[in-house]
Amino acid sequence: MTPPTPAPTSTPTLVGRSSSHFTRVTRIFAAELGVPYAFQVVPDLRSVDAADYVGNPALRLPILRTGPTTWFGALNICRELARRAPEQRRVVWPEHLTDALTANAQELALQAMATEVTLIMSQLAGTPSDDAQVIKLQKSLLNMVSWLDENIQAARAALPRDRDVSYLEVCAFCLVTHLEFRNVLATSGFRALTAFCDDFGQRSSAQSTAYRYDAP
């Protein structure tokens, strides 16, 4: 039997922002998995220079640098962090969600995160609030969060009980707390999501990665 490949020993560098929900997903995973990392801030999200995103052609964050290798996107980064974990942990990845409820919850959590980013960037660009596309995005976001509020309890109950961490729960937590942080959508009326965030927020990984604005 082939022995497991030892985890890399070099410290990776995570490139992102402390105010980014996609970045926070990776930081929570790093904390849950016990993987140390250096942190590099992307100075201006309005930049169209790929060099500011460590060569990511999508001009998005987060990015992980591991020596000569670069990983684009939160899910890719979380997988690499899991490979670097000093101890094997029970992680529930998106591909493990084979029933419609949990798979749809994962999809809508990610779609809502992306929609929120679009709304924030539209605001930074000065797009009028009565723009038809902005109105549609706002409605879409509200619909998705409402669906998640109605289904988060059942979705969590359907996850394996022996899990250490799930990508679905981390994404949902980062989404809901970010909506409040950026004042994009008030979430206090979503009781199930609020209860979920109160519960998940007790983890040290959540408490050590609270949103904040990085110094210029």
N, C-alpha and C. Protein backbone atom coordinates (compact mmCIF):
# COMPACT_ATOMS: atom_id res chain seq x y z
N MET A 1 0.84 -1.20 0.00
CA MET A 1 0.00 0.00 0.00
C MET A 1 0.88 1.24 0.00
N THR A 2 0.59 2.18 -0.90
CA THR A 2 1.39 3.40 -1.01
C THR A 2 1.11 4.33 0.16
N PRO A 3 2.15 4.77 0.90
CA PRO A 3 1.92 5.69 2.02
C PRO A 3 1.42 7.03 1.53
N PRO A 4 0.67 7.77 2.36
CA PRO A 4 0.16 9.07 1.96
C PRO A 4 1.28 10.06 1.69
N THR A 5 1.07 10.92 0.72
CA THR A 5 2.06 11.95 0.40
C THR A 5 2.14 12.95 1.53
N PRO A 6 3.35 13.23 2.06
CA PRO A 6 3.43 14.18 3.15
C PRO A 6 3.01 15.58 2.71
N ALA A 7 2.41 16.32 3.64
CA ALA A 7 1.96 17.68 3.34
C ALA A 7 3.16 18.58 3.09
N PRO A 8 3.08 19.51 2.12
CA PRO A 8 4.18 20.44 1.87
C PRO A 8 4.49 21.25 3.12
N THR A 9 5.75 21.59 3.28
CA THR A 9 6.18 22.30 4.49
C THR A 9 6.33 23.79 4.28
N SER A 10 6.46 24.26 3.05
CA SER A 10 6.63 25.69 2.81
C SER A 10 5.33 26.43 3.11
N THR A 11 5.45 27.65 3.60
CA THR A 11 4.28 28.45 3.95
C THR A 11 3.73 29.14 2.71
N PRO A 12 2.46 28.88 2.36
CA PRO A 12 1.89 29.53 1.18
C PRO A 12 1.50 30.97 1.49
N THR A 13 1.27 31.75 0.45
CA THR A 13 0.82 33.13 0.59
C THR A 13 -0.59 33.25 0.01
N LEU A 14 -1.52 33.70 0.83
CA LEU A 14 -2.89 33.93 0.39
C LEU A 14 -3.02 35.40 -0.01
N VAL A 15 -3.51 35.64 -1.21
CA VAL A 15 -3.67 36.99 -1.73
C VAL A 15 -5.16 37.30 -1.81
N GLY A 16 -5.59 38.34 -1.10
CA GLY A 16 -7.00 38.68 -1.08
C GLY A 16 -7.26 39.93 -0.29
N ARG A 17 -8.41 39.99 0.35
CA ARG A 17 -8.75 41.13 1.19
C ARG A 17 -9.52 40.63 2.41
N SER A 18 -9.31 41.28 3.55
CA SER A 18 -9.98 40.88 4.78
C SER A 18 -11.47 41.20 4.73
N SER A 19 -11.89 42.01 3.77
CA SER A 19 -13.30 42.38 3.61
C SER A 19 -14.01 41.52 2.57
N SER A 20 -13.32 40.53 2.03
CA SER A 20 -13.87 39.70 0.95
C SER A 20 -14.44 38.39 1.50
N HIS A 21 -15.68 38.06 1.10
CA HIS A 21 -16.25 36.80 1.58
C HIS A 21 -15.58 35.59 0.95
N PHE A 22 -15.18 35.68 -0.31
CA PHE A 22 -14.47 34.55 -0.92
C PHE A 22 -13.11 34.33 -0.24
N THR A 23 -12.44 35.42 0.11
CA THR A 23 -11.18 35.29 0.85
C THR A 23 -11.42 34.67 2.21
N ARG A 24 -12.50 35.09 2.88
CA ARG A 24 -12.77 34.55 4.22
C ARG A 24 -13.04 33.06 4.18
N VAL A 25 -13.67 32.58 3.13
CA VAL A 25 -13.88 31.13 2.99
C VAL A 25 -12.54 30.40 3.11
N THR A 26 -11.54 30.88 2.41
CA THR A 26 -10.23 30.20 2.43
C THR A 26 -9.55 30.37 3.78
N ARG A 27 -9.74 31.51 4.42
CA ARG A 27 -9.11 31.72 5.73
C ARG A 27 -9.73 30.83 6.79
N ILE A 28 -11.04 30.64 6.71
CA ILE A 28 -11.69 29.73 7.64
C ILE A 28 -11.20 28.31 7.42
N PHE A 29 -11.07 27.91 6.16
CA PHE A 29 -10.56 26.57 5.88
C PHE A 29 -9.14 26.41 6.41
N ALA A 30 -8.30 27.41 6.21
CA ALA A 30 -6.93 27.32 6.70
C ALA A 30 -6.92 27.13 8.22
N ALA A 31 -7.79 27.87 8.91
CA ALA A 31 -7.85 27.76 10.37
C ALA A 31 -8.39 26.40 10.79
N GLU A 32 -9.43 25.93 10.11
CA GLU A 32 -10.02 24.64 10.45
C GLU A 32 -9.04 23.49 10.21
N LEU A 33 -8.21 23.63 9.19
CA LEU A 33 -7.29 22.56 8.80
C LEU A 33 -5.91 22.71 9.43
N GLY A 34 -5.69 23.82 10.13
CA GLY A 34 -4.41 24.02 10.79
C GLY A 34 -3.26 24.30 9.84
N VAL A 35 -3.55 25.04 8.77
CA VAL A 35 -2.52 25.35 7.77
C VAL A 35 -2.11 26.82 7.90
N PRO A 36 -0.86 27.11 8.27
CA PRO A 36 -0.41 28.50 8.36
C PRO A 36 -0.21 29.10 6.97
N TYR A 37 -0.31 30.43 6.89
CA TYR A 37 -0.13 31.10 5.60
C TYR A 37 0.25 32.55 5.85
N ALA A 38 0.90 33.15 4.86
CA ALA A 38 1.14 34.58 4.85
C ALA A 38 -0.02 35.24 4.11
N PHE A 39 -0.27 36.50 4.41
CA PHE A 39 -1.41 37.18 3.80
C PHE A 39 -0.94 38.44 3.07
N GLN A 40 -1.34 38.55 1.81
CA GLN A 40 -1.01 39.71 0.98
C GLN A 40 -2.29 40.35 0.49
N VAL A 41 -2.42 41.66 0.68
CA VAL A 41 -3.65 42.38 0.35
C VAL A 41 -3.63 42.86 -1.10
N VAL A 42 -4.74 42.65 -1.80
CA VAL A 42 -4.94 43.27 -3.11
C VAL A 42 -5.33 44.71 -2.86
N PRO A 43 -4.56 45.69 -3.33
CA PRO A 43 -4.78 47.07 -2.93
C PRO A 43 -6.06 47.72 -3.45
N ASP A 44 -6.47 47.39 -4.67
CA ASP A 44 -7.61 48.09 -5.27
C ASP A 44 -8.38 47.13 -6.17
N LEU A 45 -9.61 46.82 -5.77
CA LEU A 45 -10.41 45.87 -6.55
C LEU A 45 -10.87 46.44 -7.88
N ARG A 46 -10.69 47.75 -8.09
CA ARG A 46 -11.04 48.33 -9.37
C ARG A 46 -9.92 48.20 -10.40
N SER A 47 -8.79 47.69 -9.96
CA SER A 47 -7.65 47.53 -10.86
C SER A 47 -7.97 46.53 -11.97
N VAL A 48 -7.48 46.84 -13.17
CA VAL A 48 -7.62 45.93 -14.31
C VAL A 48 -6.26 45.37 -14.71
N ASP A 49 -5.30 45.45 -13.81
CA ASP A 49 -3.96 44.93 -14.04
C ASP A 49 -3.87 43.55 -13.40
N ALA A 50 -3.68 42.53 -14.21
CA ALA A 50 -3.63 41.16 -13.70
C ALA A 50 -2.50 40.97 -12.69
N ALA A 51 -1.47 41.80 -12.78
CA ALA A 51 -0.36 41.69 -11.84
C ALA A 51 -0.80 41.95 -10.41
N ASP A 52 -1.84 42.78 -10.23
CA ASP A 52 -2.35 43.05 -8.89
C ASP A 52 -3.09 41.85 -8.31
N TYR A 53 -3.42 40.90 -9.18
CA TYR A 53 -4.10 39.67 -8.76
C TYR A 53 -3.18 38.47 -8.96
N VAL A 54 -1.89 38.71 -8.85
CA VAL A 54 -0.87 37.67 -8.97
C VAL A 54 -1.04 36.88 -10.26
N GLY A 55 -1.39 37.59 -11.33
CA GLY A 55 -1.50 36.97 -12.63
C GLY A 55 -2.83 36.31 -12.93
N ASN A 56 -3.80 36.41 -12.04
CA ASN A 56 -5.10 35.79 -12.31
C ASN A 56 -5.78 36.56 -13.45
N PRO A 57 -6.00 35.93 -14.60
CA PRO A 57 -6.57 36.65 -15.74
C PRO A 57 -8.02 37.06 -15.51
N ALA A 58 -8.69 36.43 -14.54
CA ALA A 58 -10.08 36.80 -14.24
C ALA A 58 -10.17 38.09 -13.43
N LEU A 59 -9.02 38.60 -12.96
CA LEU A 59 -8.97 39.82 -12.13
C LEU A 59 -9.83 39.66 -10.88
N ARG A 60 -9.72 38.49 -10.27
CA ARG A 60 -10.52 38.19 -9.08
C ARG A 60 -9.63 37.63 -7.98
N LEU A 61 -10.16 37.66 -6.79
CA LEU A 61 -9.48 37.09 -5.64
C LEU A 61 -10.43 36.10 -4.97
N PRO A 62 -9.85 35.22 -4.15
CA PRO A 62 -8.47 35.12 -3.68
C PRO A 62 -7.59 34.29 -4.62
N ILE A 63 -6.31 34.35 -4.33
CA ILE A 63 -5.29 33.59 -5.04
C ILE A 63 -4.35 33.03 -3.98
N LEU A 64 -3.82 31.86 -4.24
CA LEU A 64 -2.84 31.26 -3.32
C LEU A 64 -1.56 30.98 -4.08
N ARG A 65 -0.46 31.47 -3.52
CA ARG A 65 0.86 31.18 -4.10
C ARG A 65 1.54 30.12 -3.25
N THR A 66 1.96 29.05 -3.89
CA THR A 66 2.68 27.97 -3.20
C THR A 66 3.97 27.73 -3.96
N GLY A 67 4.98 28.53 -3.63
CA GLY A 67 6.23 28.44 -4.37
C GLY A 67 6.00 28.92 -5.79
N PRO A 68 6.37 28.13 -6.80
CA PRO A 68 6.19 28.54 -8.19
C PRO A 68 4.76 28.35 -8.70
N THR A 69 3.89 27.77 -7.89
CA THR A 69 2.53 27.43 -8.32
C THR A 69 1.53 28.44 -7.79
N THR A 70 0.54 28.77 -8.62
CA THR A 70 -0.50 29.71 -8.23
C THR A 70 -1.86 29.05 -8.41
N TRP A 71 -2.72 29.22 -7.39
CA TRP A 71 -4.07 28.65 -7.40
C TRP A 71 -5.08 29.77 -7.44
N PHE A 72 -6.02 29.71 -8.39
CA PHE A 72 -7.04 30.74 -8.55
C PHE A 72 -8.37 30.26 -7.95
N GLY A 73 -9.00 31.11 -7.15
CA GLY A 73 -10.36 30.83 -6.69
C GLY A 73 -10.43 30.10 -5.37
N ALA A 74 -11.53 30.35 -4.64
CA ALA A 74 -11.68 29.85 -3.28
C ALA A 74 -11.69 28.32 -3.21
N LEU A 75 -12.44 27.66 -4.09
CA LEU A 75 -12.53 26.21 -4.01
C LEU A 75 -11.20 25.55 -4.31
N ASN A 76 -10.51 26.00 -5.35
CA ASN A 76 -9.18 25.47 -5.66
C ASN A 76 -8.25 25.63 -4.46
N ILE A 77 -8.30 26.81 -3.84
CA ILE A 77 -7.42 27.10 -2.72
C ILE A 77 -7.74 26.20 -1.53
N CYS A 78 -9.03 26.03 -1.24
CA CYS A 78 -9.41 25.18 -0.11
C CYS A 78 -8.96 23.74 -0.33
N ARG A 79 -9.02 23.27 -1.55
CA ARG A 79 -8.54 21.91 -1.84
C ARG A 79 -7.04 21.80 -1.60
N GLU A 80 -6.30 22.80 -2.02
CA GLU A 80 -4.85 22.78 -1.80
C GLU A 80 -4.54 22.87 -0.30
N LEU A 81 -5.30 23.67 0.43
CA LEU A 81 -5.09 23.75 1.88
C LEU A 81 -5.35 22.39 2.53
N ALA A 82 -6.37 21.68 2.05
CA ALA A 82 -6.66 20.36 2.60
C ALA A 82 -5.51 19.39 2.33
N ARG A 83 -4.88 19.52 1.17
CA ARG A 83 -3.73 18.66 0.87
C ARG A 83 -2.55 18.99 1.77
N ARG A 84 -2.49 20.23 2.24
CA ARG A 84 -1.39 20.66 3.09
C ARG A 84 -1.66 20.47 4.59
N ALA A 85 -2.85 20.06 4.93
CA ALA A 85 -3.22 19.92 6.34
C ALA A 85 -2.31 18.92 7.04
N PRO A 86 -1.84 19.24 8.23
CA PRO A 86 -0.96 18.31 8.95
C PRO A 86 -1.67 17.03 9.40
N GLU A 87 -2.99 17.09 9.53
CA GLU A 87 -3.78 15.92 9.89
C GLU A 87 -4.96 15.81 8.94
N GLN A 88 -5.34 14.61 8.61
CA GLN A 88 -6.48 14.40 7.71
C GLN A 88 -7.76 14.80 8.42
N ARG A 89 -8.58 15.60 7.74
CA ARG A 89 -9.86 16.04 8.29
C ARG A 89 -10.99 15.61 7.37
N ARG A 90 -12.17 15.47 7.96
CA ARG A 90 -13.34 15.05 7.19
C ARG A 90 -13.98 16.29 6.58
N VAL A 91 -13.71 16.54 5.32
CA VAL A 91 -14.22 17.71 4.61
C VAL A 91 -15.33 17.28 3.67
N VAL A 92 -16.45 17.98 3.70
CA VAL A 92 -17.54 17.72 2.76
C VAL A 92 -17.43 18.74 1.63
N TRP A 93 -17.06 18.25 0.45
CA TRP A 93 -16.86 19.10 -0.72
C TRP A 93 -18.15 19.17 -1.54
N PRO A 94 -18.25 20.13 -2.47
CA PRO A 94 -19.46 20.23 -3.30
C PRO A 94 -19.83 18.93 -4.02
N GLU A 95 -18.83 18.18 -4.49
CA GLU A 95 -19.14 16.95 -5.23
C GLU A 95 -19.72 15.85 -4.34
N HIS A 96 -19.61 16.02 -3.03
CA HIS A 96 -20.21 15.05 -2.12
C HIS A 96 -21.71 15.28 -1.94
N LEU A 97 -22.20 16.40 -2.41
CA LEU A 97 -23.62 16.75 -2.23
C LEU A 97 -24.41 16.18 -3.40
N THR A 98 -24.92 14.97 -3.23
CA THR A 98 -25.56 14.26 -4.33
C THR A 98 -27.08 14.30 -4.27
N ASP A 99 -27.66 14.94 -3.26
CA ASP A 99 -29.11 15.12 -3.23
C ASP A 99 -29.42 16.55 -3.64
N ALA A 100 -30.63 16.78 -4.14
CA ALA A 100 -30.99 18.08 -4.70
C ALA A 100 -30.94 19.19 -3.65
N LEU A 101 -31.36 18.90 -2.43
CA LEU A 101 -31.43 19.94 -1.40
C LEU A 101 -30.06 20.53 -1.11
N THR A 102 -29.11 19.69 -0.77
CA THR A 102 -27.78 20.22 -0.41
C THR A 102 -27.05 20.76 -1.63
N ALA A 103 -27.22 20.10 -2.78
CA ALA A 103 -26.57 20.59 -4.01
C ALA A 103 -27.11 21.96 -4.40
N ASN A 104 -28.42 22.14 -4.29
CA ASN A 104 -29.01 23.44 -4.61
C ASN A 104 -28.59 24.50 -3.60
N ALA A 105 -28.48 24.12 -2.35
CA ALA A 105 -28.04 25.08 -1.33
C ALA A 105 -26.63 25.56 -1.63
N GLN A 106 -25.75 24.63 -2.02
CA GLN A 106 -24.39 25.03 -2.38
C GLN A 106 -24.38 25.95 -3.59
N GLU A 107 -25.14 25.60 -4.60
CA GLU A 107 -25.21 26.41 -5.81
C GLU A 107 -25.71 27.81 -5.51
N LEU A 108 -26.77 27.92 -4.74
CA LEU A 108 -27.36 29.23 -4.46
C LEU A 108 -26.48 30.06 -3.54
N ALA A 109 -25.77 29.42 -2.62
CA ALA A 109 -24.84 30.17 -1.77
C ALA A 109 -23.75 30.81 -2.62
N LEU A 110 -23.21 30.04 -3.57
CA LEU A 110 -22.15 30.57 -4.43
C LEU A 110 -22.70 31.62 -5.39
N GLN A 111 -23.88 31.38 -5.94
CA GLN A 111 -24.48 32.36 -6.84
C GLN A 111 -24.77 33.67 -6.10
N ALA A 112 -25.23 33.56 -4.87
CA ALA A 112 -25.52 34.75 -4.08
C ALA A 112 -24.24 35.52 -3.77
N MET A 113 -23.16 34.82 -3.49
CA MET A 113 -21.89 35.48 -3.23
C MET A 113 -21.43 36.25 -4.46
N ALA A 114 -21.54 35.62 -5.64
CA ALA A 114 -21.12 36.28 -6.88
C ALA A 114 -22.03 37.46 -7.21
N THR A 115 -23.33 37.30 -6.97
CA THR A 115 -24.28 38.39 -7.23
C THR A 115 -23.99 39.58 -6.34
N GLU A 116 -23.67 39.30 -5.08
CA GLU A 116 -23.35 40.40 -4.17
C GLU A 116 -22.13 41.18 -4.65
N VAL A 117 -21.12 40.45 -5.13
CA VAL A 117 -19.92 41.13 -5.64
C VAL A 117 -20.29 42.04 -6.80
N THR A 118 -21.14 41.57 -7.71
CA THR A 118 -21.56 42.38 -8.85
C THR A 118 -22.28 43.64 -8.39
N LEU A 119 -23.13 43.51 -7.40
CA LEU A 119 -23.86 44.67 -6.88
C LEU A 119 -22.90 45.67 -6.24
N ILE A 120 -21.93 45.17 -5.49
CA ILE A 120 -20.96 46.07 -4.86
C ILE A 120 -20.13 46.79 -5.91
N MET A 121 -19.68 46.07 -6.93
CA MET A 121 -18.88 46.70 -7.98
C MET A 121 -19.72 47.69 -8.78
N SER A 122 -21.01 47.40 -8.96
CA SER A 122 -21.89 48.34 -9.66
C SER A 122 -22.02 49.63 -8.86
N GLN A 123 -22.10 49.47 -7.55
CA GLN A 123 -22.20 50.66 -6.70
C GLN A 123 -20.92 51.48 -6.78
N LEU A 124 -19.77 50.80 -6.76
CA LEU A 124 -18.49 51.51 -6.86
C LEU A 124 -18.36 52.24 -8.20
N ALA A 125 -18.97 51.66 -9.23
CA ALA A 125 -18.90 52.26 -10.56
C ALA A 125 -19.92 53.38 -10.75
N GLY A 126 -20.77 53.58 -9.75
CA GLY A 126 -21.76 54.65 -9.83
C GLY A 126 -23.00 54.31 -10.63
N THR A 127 -23.28 53.02 -10.82
CA THR A 127 -24.48 52.62 -11.55
C THR A 127 -25.72 53.04 -10.76
N PRO A 128 -26.68 53.72 -11.38
CA PRO A 128 -27.88 54.17 -10.66
C PRO A 128 -28.64 53.00 -10.03
N SER A 129 -29.21 53.22 -8.86
CA SER A 129 -29.92 52.16 -8.15
C SER A 129 -31.19 51.72 -8.87
N ASP A 130 -31.71 52.58 -9.77
CA ASP A 130 -32.91 52.21 -10.51
C ASP A 130 -32.59 51.57 -11.86
N ASP A 131 -31.31 51.25 -12.10
CA ASP A 131 -30.93 50.55 -13.31
C ASP A 131 -31.62 49.19 -13.34
N ALA A 132 -32.14 48.80 -14.49
CA ALA A 132 -32.92 47.56 -14.60
C ALA A 132 -32.12 46.33 -14.19
N GLN A 133 -30.86 46.29 -14.57
CA GLN A 133 -30.04 45.12 -14.24
C GLN A 133 -29.76 45.07 -12.74
N VAL A 134 -29.52 46.23 -12.14
CA VAL A 134 -29.29 46.29 -10.69
C VAL A 134 -30.53 45.81 -9.95
N ILE A 135 -31.70 46.25 -10.39
CA ILE A 135 -32.95 45.84 -9.75
C ILE A 135 -33.13 44.32 -9.85
N LYS A 136 -32.81 43.76 -11.02
CA LYS A 136 -32.93 42.32 -11.19
C LYS A 136 -31.97 41.57 -10.27
N LEU A 137 -30.72 42.06 -10.17
CA LEU A 137 -29.74 41.43 -9.31
C LEU A 137 -30.16 41.48 -7.85
N GLN A 138 -30.72 42.61 -7.43
CA GLN A 138 -31.19 42.74 -6.06
C GLN A 138 -32.31 41.75 -5.77
N LYS A 139 -33.23 41.60 -6.72
CA LYS A 139 -34.32 40.66 -6.54
C LYS A 139 -33.80 39.23 -6.52
N SER A 140 -32.87 38.93 -7.40
CA SER A 140 -32.26 37.60 -7.43
C SER A 140 -31.59 37.28 -6.11
N LEU A 141 -30.84 38.24 -5.58
CA LEU A 141 -30.15 38.04 -4.30
C LEU A 141 -31.15 37.78 -3.19
N LEU A 142 -32.20 38.59 -3.13
CA LEU A 142 -33.23 38.41 -2.11
C LEU A 142 -33.88 37.03 -2.23
N ASN A 143 -34.18 36.60 -3.45
CA ASN A 143 -34.80 35.29 -3.66
C ASN A 143 -33.89 34.17 -3.16
N MET A 144 -32.60 34.27 -3.48
CA MET A 144 -31.67 33.22 -3.09
C MET A 144 -31.49 33.15 -1.58
N VAL A 145 -31.35 34.30 -0.95
CA VAL A 145 -31.19 34.30 0.51
C VAL A 145 -32.46 33.79 1.18
N SER A 146 -33.61 34.15 0.65
CA SER A 146 -34.88 33.65 1.20
C SER A 146 -34.95 32.14 1.10
N TRP A 147 -34.54 31.60 -0.05
CA TRP A 147 -34.54 30.14 -0.22
C TRP A 147 -33.59 29.48 0.77
N LEU A 148 -32.42 30.06 0.93
CA LEU A 148 -31.46 29.50 1.89
C LEU A 148 -32.01 29.54 3.31
N ASP A 149 -32.70 30.62 3.64
CA ASP A 149 -33.28 30.72 4.98
C ASP A 149 -34.31 29.61 5.21
N GLU A 150 -35.07 29.30 4.19
CA GLU A 150 -36.10 28.26 4.31
C GLU A 150 -35.51 26.85 4.36
N ASN A 151 -34.30 26.69 3.85
CA ASN A 151 -33.77 25.34 3.67
C ASN A 151 -32.47 25.04 4.40
N ILE A 152 -31.87 26.02 5.05
CA ILE A 152 -30.55 25.80 5.65
C ILE A 152 -30.57 24.74 6.73
N GLN A 153 -31.63 24.69 7.53
CA GLN A 153 -31.68 23.70 8.60
C GLN A 153 -31.73 22.28 8.04
N ALA A 154 -32.57 22.07 7.05
CA ALA A 154 -32.68 20.74 6.45
C ALA A 154 -31.40 20.37 5.71
N ALA A 155 -30.79 21.34 5.05
CA ALA A 155 -29.54 21.07 4.33
C ALA A 155 -28.43 20.66 5.29
N ARG A 156 -28.34 21.33 6.41
CA ARG A 156 -27.31 20.97 7.39
C ARG A 156 -27.58 19.59 7.97
N ALA A 157 -28.84 19.30 8.20
CA ALA A 157 -29.20 18.00 8.77
C ALA A 157 -28.86 16.86 7.81
N ALA A 158 -28.81 17.17 6.52
CA ALA A 158 -28.51 16.14 5.51
C ALA A 158 -27.02 15.91 5.32
N LEU A 159 -26.19 16.77 5.90
CA LEU A 159 -24.74 16.60 5.77
C LEU A 159 -24.25 15.48 6.68
N PRO A 160 -23.13 14.85 6.35
CA PRO A 160 -22.59 13.78 7.21
C PRO A 160 -22.32 14.29 8.62
N ARG A 161 -22.73 13.52 9.60
CA ARG A 161 -22.57 13.97 10.99
C ARG A 161 -21.12 13.97 11.44
N ASP A 162 -20.29 13.16 10.80
CA ASP A 162 -18.90 13.06 11.24
C ASP A 162 -18.00 14.08 10.54
N ARG A 163 -18.58 15.07 9.89
CA ARG A 163 -17.78 16.07 9.18
C ARG A 163 -17.02 16.97 10.16
N ASP A 164 -15.86 17.41 9.73
CA ASP A 164 -15.14 18.44 10.46
C ASP A 164 -15.52 19.82 9.93
N VAL A 165 -15.69 19.91 8.62
CA VAL A 165 -16.05 21.17 7.99
C VAL A 165 -16.66 20.88 6.63
N SER A 166 -17.58 21.71 6.20
CA SER A 166 -18.18 21.55 4.87
C SER A 166 -18.05 22.86 4.12
N TYR A 167 -17.82 22.74 2.82
CA TYR A 167 -17.71 23.93 1.98
C TYR A 167 -19.02 24.68 1.95
N LEU A 168 -20.13 23.97 1.98
CA LEU A 168 -21.45 24.60 1.99
C LEU A 168 -21.63 25.50 3.20
N GLU A 169 -21.35 25.00 4.38
CA GLU A 169 -21.58 25.79 5.59
C GLU A 169 -20.65 27.00 5.65
N VAL A 170 -19.41 26.81 5.25
CA VAL A 170 -18.47 27.94 5.28
C VAL A 170 -18.94 29.02 4.31
N CYS A 171 -19.35 28.63 3.10
CA CYS A 171 -19.82 29.61 2.13
C CYS A 171 -21.08 30.33 2.63
N ALA A 172 -22.02 29.59 3.17
CA ALA A 172 -23.26 30.19 3.66
C ALA A 172 -22.97 31.18 4.78
N PHE A 173 -22.09 30.80 5.69
CA PHE A 173 -21.74 31.70 6.80
C PHE A 173 -21.07 32.97 6.28
N CYS A 174 -20.11 32.81 5.38
CA CYS A 174 -19.39 33.98 4.85
C CYS A 174 -20.33 34.89 4.05
N LEU A 175 -21.27 34.30 3.33
CA LEU A 175 -22.24 35.09 2.58
C LEU A 175 -23.11 35.93 3.49
N VAL A 176 -23.77 35.30 4.44
CA VAL A 176 -24.75 36.00 5.27
C VAL A 176 -24.09 37.09 6.11
N THR A 177 -22.96 36.79 6.70
CA THR A 177 -22.27 37.80 7.51
C THR A 177 -21.73 38.94 6.65
N HIS A 178 -21.40 38.63 5.40
CA HIS A 178 -20.89 39.68 4.50
C HIS A 178 -22.01 40.62 4.05
N LEU A 179 -23.20 40.09 3.86
CA LEU A 179 -24.33 40.94 3.47
C LEU A 179 -24.56 42.04 4.51
N GLU A 180 -24.44 41.68 5.76
CA GLU A 180 -24.59 42.67 6.83
C GLU A 180 -23.38 43.60 6.89
N PHE A 181 -22.19 43.03 6.75
CA PHE A 181 -20.96 43.82 6.82
C PHE A 181 -20.94 44.92 5.77
N ARG A 182 -21.38 44.59 4.55
CA ARG A 182 -21.37 45.56 3.45
C ARG A 182 -22.70 46.29 3.27
N ASN A 183 -23.65 46.03 4.15
CA ASN A 183 -24.96 46.69 4.09
C ASN A 183 -25.63 46.50 2.73
N VAL A 184 -25.47 45.32 2.18
CA VAL A 184 -26.09 45.01 0.89
C VAL A 184 -27.53 44.53 1.09
N LEU A 185 -27.74 43.74 2.14
CA LEU A 185 -29.07 43.20 2.41
C LEU A 185 -29.17 42.91 3.90
N ALA A 186 -30.19 43.47 4.55
CA ALA A 186 -30.41 43.21 5.97
C ALA A 186 -30.82 41.75 6.15
N THR A 187 -30.19 41.06 7.08
CA THR A 187 -30.46 39.63 7.25
C THR A 187 -31.12 39.30 8.58
N SER A 188 -31.39 40.30 9.40
CA SER A 188 -31.95 40.03 10.72
C SER A 188 -33.30 39.33 10.66
N GLY A 189 -34.05 39.54 9.58
CA GLY A 189 -35.36 38.91 9.45
C GLY A 189 -35.30 37.45 9.01
N PHE A 190 -34.13 36.99 8.62
CA PHE A 190 -33.96 35.60 8.20
C PHE A 190 -33.54 34.79 9.43
N ARG A 191 -34.52 34.26 10.12
CA ARG A 191 -34.26 33.68 11.44
C ARG A 191 -33.41 32.42 11.38
N ALA A 192 -33.66 31.57 10.41
CA ALA A 192 -32.89 30.33 10.33
C ALA A 192 -31.43 30.61 9.99
N LEU A 193 -31.19 31.52 9.06
CA LEU A 193 -29.82 31.88 8.71
C LEU A 193 -29.12 32.59 9.86
N THR A 194 -29.85 33.42 10.58
CA THR A 194 -29.27 34.10 11.74
C THR A 194 -28.86 33.09 12.80
N ALA A 195 -29.73 32.11 13.07
CA ALA A 195 -29.41 31.07 14.05
C ALA A 195 -28.21 30.25 13.60
N PHE A 196 -28.17 29.93 12.31
CA PHE A 196 -27.04 29.19 11.77
C PHE A 196 -25.74 29.96 11.96
N CYS A 197 -25.76 31.26 11.63
CA CYS A 197 -24.54 32.08 11.76
C CYS A 197 -24.13 32.22 13.22
N ASP A 198 -25.10 32.32 14.11
CA ASP A 198 -24.77 32.39 15.54
C ASP A 198 -24.07 31.11 15.99
N ASP A 199 -24.54 29.98 15.46
CA ASP A 199 -23.95 28.68 15.82
C ASP A 199 -22.57 28.53 15.19
N PHE A 200 -22.48 28.72 13.89
CA PHE A 200 -21.19 28.54 13.21
C PHE A 200 -20.19 29.59 13.68
N GLY A 201 -20.69 30.76 14.03
CA GLY A 201 -19.81 31.84 14.46
C GLY A 201 -19.11 31.59 15.78
N GLN A 202 -19.48 30.53 16.49
CA GLN A 202 -18.79 30.18 17.73
C GLN A 202 -17.45 29.51 17.47
N ARG A 203 -17.24 29.06 16.25
CA ARG A 203 -15.97 28.42 15.93
C ARG A 203 -14.84 29.43 16.00
N SER A 204 -13.70 28.98 16.46
CA SER A 204 -12.55 29.88 16.54
C SER A 204 -12.12 30.34 15.15
N SER A 205 -12.33 29.49 14.14
CA SER A 205 -11.97 29.86 12.77
C SER A 205 -12.81 31.03 12.28
N ALA A 206 -14.07 31.10 12.70
CA ALA A 206 -14.93 32.22 12.32
C ALA A 206 -14.57 33.47 13.10
N GLN A 207 -14.29 33.31 14.38
CA GLN A 207 -13.98 34.46 15.21
C GLN A 207 -12.64 35.10 14.86
N SER A 208 -11.72 34.31 14.36
CA SER A 208 -10.39 34.85 14.03
C SER A 208 -10.31 35.44 12.63
N THR A 209 -11.41 35.37 11.86
CA THR A 209 -11.38 35.87 10.49
C THR A 209 -12.47 36.93 10.24
N ALA A 210 -12.85 37.63 11.29
CA ALA A 210 -13.93 38.63 11.16
C ALA A 210 -13.60 39.63 10.07
N TYR A 211 -14.62 40.07 9.36
CA TYR A 211 -14.44 41.04 8.28
C TYR A 211 -13.89 42.36 8.82
N ARG A 212 -13.02 42.96 8.05
CA ARG A 212 -12.53 44.31 8.35
C ARG A 212 -11.96 44.88 7.06
N TYR A 213 -11.81 46.17 7.03
CA TYR A 213 -11.23 46.82 5.86
C TYR A 213 -9.72 46.94 6.08
N ASP A 214 -8.97 46.47 5.09
CA ASP A 214 -7.51 46.55 5.18
C ASP A 214 -7.05 47.99 5.03
N ALA A 215 -5.99 48.33 5.75
CA ALA A 215 -5.43 49.66 5.64
C ALA A 215 -4.93 49.90 4.23
N PRO A 216 -5.11 51.15 3.72
CA PRO A 216 -4.64 51.43 2.35
C PRO A 216 -3.13 51.29 2.22
